[in-house]
Every structure is written in C-alpha cells, then in structure tokens.
Amino acid sequence: MSEHNRSERARRNGAKSKGPTSTTGKRWSSKNSFKTGLYAKTIEAFPKELQDHYNRIHKAYRTDYRPSDSIEDDLLAQMAFNRTRY
C-alpha cells in the first residue's frame, strides 16, 4: 500500500472519531490528563486518595479554627482545597 493511500485512510478514519458519547465515557475521558489539579474547580475532579486527603485537612482546619458561620467554613474548605492541589 502506498504512503498516500495509508495517510488518506488514516485521515478518513480520524474524521469518524467523535470521542466518548456516554456519560461514563465522558467522565473517564475528562480525567485523562489530570496531573496536579491546578485548574480543578471541584474536589470530585481529584482521585479518591486526594479526596480523602482533602477531607482530613478540612476536618483538621475545622477543629483548629472552629468556624463560627458558613462563610468561615467556606474559607476553610477553600484553604483545604488549595492545599490538596500541591
């Protein structure tokens, strides 16, 4: 098979690909390039072990700082989230 035919066939096959279509497939695909979580917006984007680490940090912050309202608790959650990413 000539190089031209091979590259033409590869081009046609590549045009057929539309990526994952199921909800599960999209969820798996969204995690393909996870490295640091630097741009993650939710803790669910993290692997299970990092979610557990986040929960431990957040619990420790709650114990140490004893937030008096939901705003302070949200700030502690953000601190724990930022610490988990590194």
Protein backbone atom coordinates (compact mmCIF):
# COMPACT_ATOMS: atom_id res chain seq x y z
CA MET A 1 0.00 0.00 0.00
CA SER A 2 1.37 3.38 -0.92
CA GLU A 3 2.12 6.07 1.63
CA HIS A 4 -0.54 8.31 0.07
CA ASN A 5 -3.28 5.65 0.41
CA ARG A 6 -2.29 4.93 4.00
CA SER A 7 -2.37 8.59 5.03
CA GLU A 8 -5.67 9.12 3.20
CA ARG A 9 -7.25 6.16 5.00
CA ALA A 10 -5.93 7.43 8.36
CA ARG A 11 -7.44 10.85 7.62
CA ARG A 12 -10.86 9.32 6.85
CA ASN A 13 -10.80 7.14 9.98
CA GLY A 14 -9.78 10.11 12.12
CA ALA A 15 -12.72 12.13 10.80
CA LYS A 16 -15.12 9.41 12.00
CA SER A 17 -14.00 9.68 15.63
CA LYS A 18 -16.31 11.78 17.77
CA GLY A 19 -14.93 10.93 21.23
CA PRO A 20 -16.89 9.45 24.12
CA THR A 21 -20.67 9.73 23.93
CA SER A 22 -21.84 8.09 27.16
CA THR A 23 -21.84 9.92 30.48
CA THR A 24 -19.43 7.37 31.93
CA GLY A 25 -17.10 7.65 28.95
CA LYS A 26 -17.06 11.43 29.18
CA ARG A 27 -16.32 11.28 32.91
CA TRP A 28 -13.38 8.89 32.34
CA SER A 29 -12.11 10.95 29.43
CA SER A 30 -12.18 14.16 31.47
CA LYS A 31 -9.64 12.62 33.86
CA ASN A 32 -7.18 11.53 31.16
CA SER A 33 -4.84 14.48 31.57
CA PHE A 34 -5.09 15.01 35.34
CA LYS A 35 -1.68 15.92 36.72
CA THR A 36 -1.77 18.48 39.53
CA GLY A 37 -5.37 19.62 39.77
CA LEU A 38 -4.18 23.20 39.47
CA TYR A 39 -7.22 24.22 37.44
CA ALA A 40 -9.72 21.89 39.11
CA LYS A 41 -12.90 23.59 40.21
CA THR A 42 -14.32 20.80 42.38
CA ILE A 43 -12.88 18.16 44.67
CA GLU A 44 -14.65 15.48 42.58
CA ALA A 45 -12.04 16.11 39.88
CA PHE A 46 -9.42 14.60 42.20
CA PRO A 47 -8.63 10.89 42.54
CA LYS A 48 -10.14 9.16 45.58
CA GLU A 49 -6.96 9.28 47.66
CA LEU A 50 -6.68 13.07 47.18
CA GLN A 51 -10.35 13.47 48.11
CA ASP A 52 -9.63 11.60 51.35
CA HIS A 53 -6.59 13.84 51.94
CA TYR A 54 -8.80 16.92 51.38
CA ASN A 55 -11.39 15.63 53.86
CA ARG A 56 -8.70 15.07 56.53
CA ILE A 57 -7.25 18.56 56.03
CA HIS A 58 -10.69 20.20 56.08
CA LYS A 59 -11.63 18.34 59.26
CA ALA A 60 -8.36 19.40 60.92
CA TYR A 61 -8.94 23.03 59.91
CA ARG A 62 -12.46 22.91 61.35
CA THR A 63 -11.08 21.55 64.62
CA ASP A 64 -8.27 24.11 64.82
CA TYR A 65 -10.11 27.24 63.66
CA ARG A 66 -13.68 26.45 64.79
CA PRO A 67 -15.58 28.45 62.12
CA SER A 68 -18.49 30.46 63.50
CA ASP A 69 -20.53 30.62 60.29
CA SER A 70 -20.80 29.17 56.80
CA ILE A 71 -18.60 31.88 55.28
CA GLU A 72 -15.70 30.97 57.55
CA ASP A 73 -16.31 27.28 56.83
CA ASP A 74 -16.25 28.01 53.09
CA LEU A 75 -12.91 29.76 53.53
CA LEU A 76 -11.54 26.74 55.39
CA ALA A 77 -12.82 24.48 52.60
CA GLN A 78 -11.03 26.67 50.05
CA MET A 79 -7.82 26.55 52.10
CA ALA A 80 -8.03 22.75 52.29
CA PHE A 81 -8.79 22.53 48.56
CA ASN A 82 -5.78 24.70 47.69
CA ARG A 83 -3.50 22.70 49.98
CA THR A 84 -4.68 19.42 48.44
CA ARG A 85 -3.68 20.53 44.96
CA TYR A 86 0.02 20.73 45.85
